[in-house]
């Protein structure tokens, strides 16, 4: 076995500090990115069934933007706050994956 230098990190528990090794999974994880509140992404894979809003439409909080079918359920994607639709990146009949960017709000 080669003589490798161990990269130990401090791990505090209450008033004690321990040294530990970080796993490969820890090193390869995606870094956290704060969500952009002006972007609406799909939280579940599915199919876009109906568009209820158009680009440039001024909507109030709670107004329906589109309907997405997933696992035989119709999910209403609603406006999170008052605003104007800047861009719609999906179309009716399109199948999308989880995390797909659907709408951008101004």
Protein backbone atom coordinates (compact mmCIF):
# COMPACT_ATOMS: atom_id res chain seq x y z
CA UNK A 1 0.00 0.00 0.00
CA UNK A 2 1.31 3.42 -0.93
CA UNK A 3 1.97 5.91 1.78
CA UNK A 4 -0.94 8.33 1.27
CA UNK A 5 -1.43 11.49 3.24
CA UNK A 6 -4.81 11.36 4.97
CA UNK A 7 -6.99 14.43 4.59
CA UNK A 8 -8.68 14.55 7.98
CA UNK A 9 -11.28 17.19 8.83
CA UNK A 10 -12.57 18.37 12.18
CA UNK A 11 -15.96 17.03 13.22
CA UNK A 12 -17.27 18.78 16.36
CA UNK A 13 -19.84 17.05 18.57
CA UNK A 14 -20.92 19.09 21.56
CA UNK A 15 -17.67 20.15 23.28
CA UNK A 16 -15.39 17.55 21.66
CA UNK A 17 -13.64 17.59 18.29
CA UNK A 18 -12.99 14.43 16.32
CA UNK A 19 -11.00 13.84 13.15
CA UNK A 20 -12.67 12.01 10.29
CA UNK A 21 -12.20 11.17 6.62
CA UNK A 22 -14.68 12.42 4.04
CA UNK A 23 -16.15 9.83 1.68
CA UNK A 24 -15.96 9.81 -2.11
CA UNK A 25 -19.70 10.45 -2.16
CA UNK A 26 -19.14 13.63 -0.13
CA UNK A 27 -16.48 14.87 -2.55
CA UNK A 28 -18.56 14.14 -5.67
CA UNK A 29 -21.83 15.70 -4.49
CA UNK A 30 -23.36 18.65 -6.33
CA UNK A 31 -22.76 21.98 -4.63
CA UNK A 32 -25.86 23.72 -3.26
CA UNK A 33 -27.28 26.45 -5.50
CA UNK A 34 -29.94 28.75 -4.06
CA UNK A 35 -33.17 28.52 -6.09
CA UNK A 36 -34.07 31.40 -8.39
CA UNK A 37 -37.55 32.54 -7.33
CA UNK A 38 -38.26 33.84 -10.85
CA UNK A 39 -37.96 30.36 -12.36
CA UNK A 40 -40.61 27.65 -12.14
CA UNK A 41 -39.16 24.16 -12.54
CA UNK A 42 -40.95 20.84 -12.72
CA UNK A 43 -40.90 19.06 -9.38
CA UNK A 44 -42.02 15.76 -10.93
CA UNK A 45 -41.64 14.20 -14.42
CA UNK A 46 -44.76 14.34 -16.57
CA UNK A 47 -46.54 15.73 -19.61
CA UNK A 48 -47.75 19.29 -20.19
CA UNK A 49 -51.51 18.98 -20.80
CA UNK A 50 -52.80 22.56 -21.04
CA UNK A 51 -51.28 26.04 -21.16
CA UNK A 52 -53.45 28.55 -19.27
CA UNK A 53 -51.21 31.63 -19.64
CA UNK A 54 -49.28 33.30 -22.43
CA UNK A 55 -46.00 35.21 -22.55
CA UNK A 56 -46.51 38.78 -21.35
CA UNK A 57 -49.58 37.94 -19.24
CA UNK A 58 -49.79 39.69 -15.87
CA UNK A 59 -50.96 37.19 -13.28
CA UNK A 60 -51.80 37.33 -9.60
CA UNK A 61 -50.48 34.94 -6.97
CA UNK A 62 -52.33 31.62 -7.22
CA UNK A 63 -53.41 32.01 -10.88
CA UNK A 64 -52.92 28.82 -12.92
CA UNK A 65 -50.08 28.96 -15.46
CA UNK A 66 -50.30 25.42 -16.84
CA UNK A 67 -51.50 21.91 -16.07
CA UNK A 68 -49.03 19.02 -15.90
CA UNK A 69 -50.12 15.38 -15.86
CA UNK A 70 -47.97 13.04 -13.81
CA UNK A 71 -48.85 9.52 -12.65
CA UNK A 72 -52.48 9.97 -13.84
CA UNK A 73 -52.90 13.11 -11.72
CA UNK A 74 -53.42 16.63 -13.04
CA UNK A 75 -51.13 19.10 -11.28
CA UNK A 76 -51.92 22.80 -11.49
CA UNK A 77 -48.75 24.88 -11.71
CA UNK A 78 -49.68 28.18 -10.08
CA UNK A 79 -48.11 31.62 -9.96
CA UNK A 80 -46.01 31.88 -6.77
CA UNK A 81 -46.40 35.69 -6.56
CA UNK A 82 -47.84 38.60 -8.57
CA UNK A 83 -45.85 39.11 -11.76
CA UNK A 84 -45.58 38.95 -15.52
CA UNK A 85 -44.72 35.87 -17.60
CA UNK A 86 -41.39 36.61 -19.29
CA UNK A 87 -40.88 33.28 -21.04
CA UNK A 88 -42.60 29.89 -21.37
CA UNK A 89 -40.16 27.09 -22.19
CA UNK A 90 -42.62 24.19 -22.61
CA UNK A 91 -45.51 23.42 -24.95
CA UNK A 92 -48.66 21.31 -24.77
CA UNK A 93 -47.97 17.60 -25.20
CA UNK A 94 -44.29 17.91 -24.23
CA UNK A 95 -42.90 15.31 -21.83
CA UNK A 96 -40.53 16.79 -19.28
CA UNK A 97 -38.24 15.49 -16.54
CA UNK A 98 -37.95 16.53 -12.92
CA UNK A 99 -36.15 19.86 -12.61
CA UNK A 100 -37.01 20.99 -16.17
CA UNK A 101 -37.27 24.80 -16.40
CA UNK A 102 -40.85 25.56 -17.48
CA UNK A 103 -41.53 29.27 -16.90
CA UNK A 104 -39.54 32.44 -16.22
CA UNK A 105 -41.29 35.29 -14.38
CA UNK A 106 -40.37 38.98 -14.40
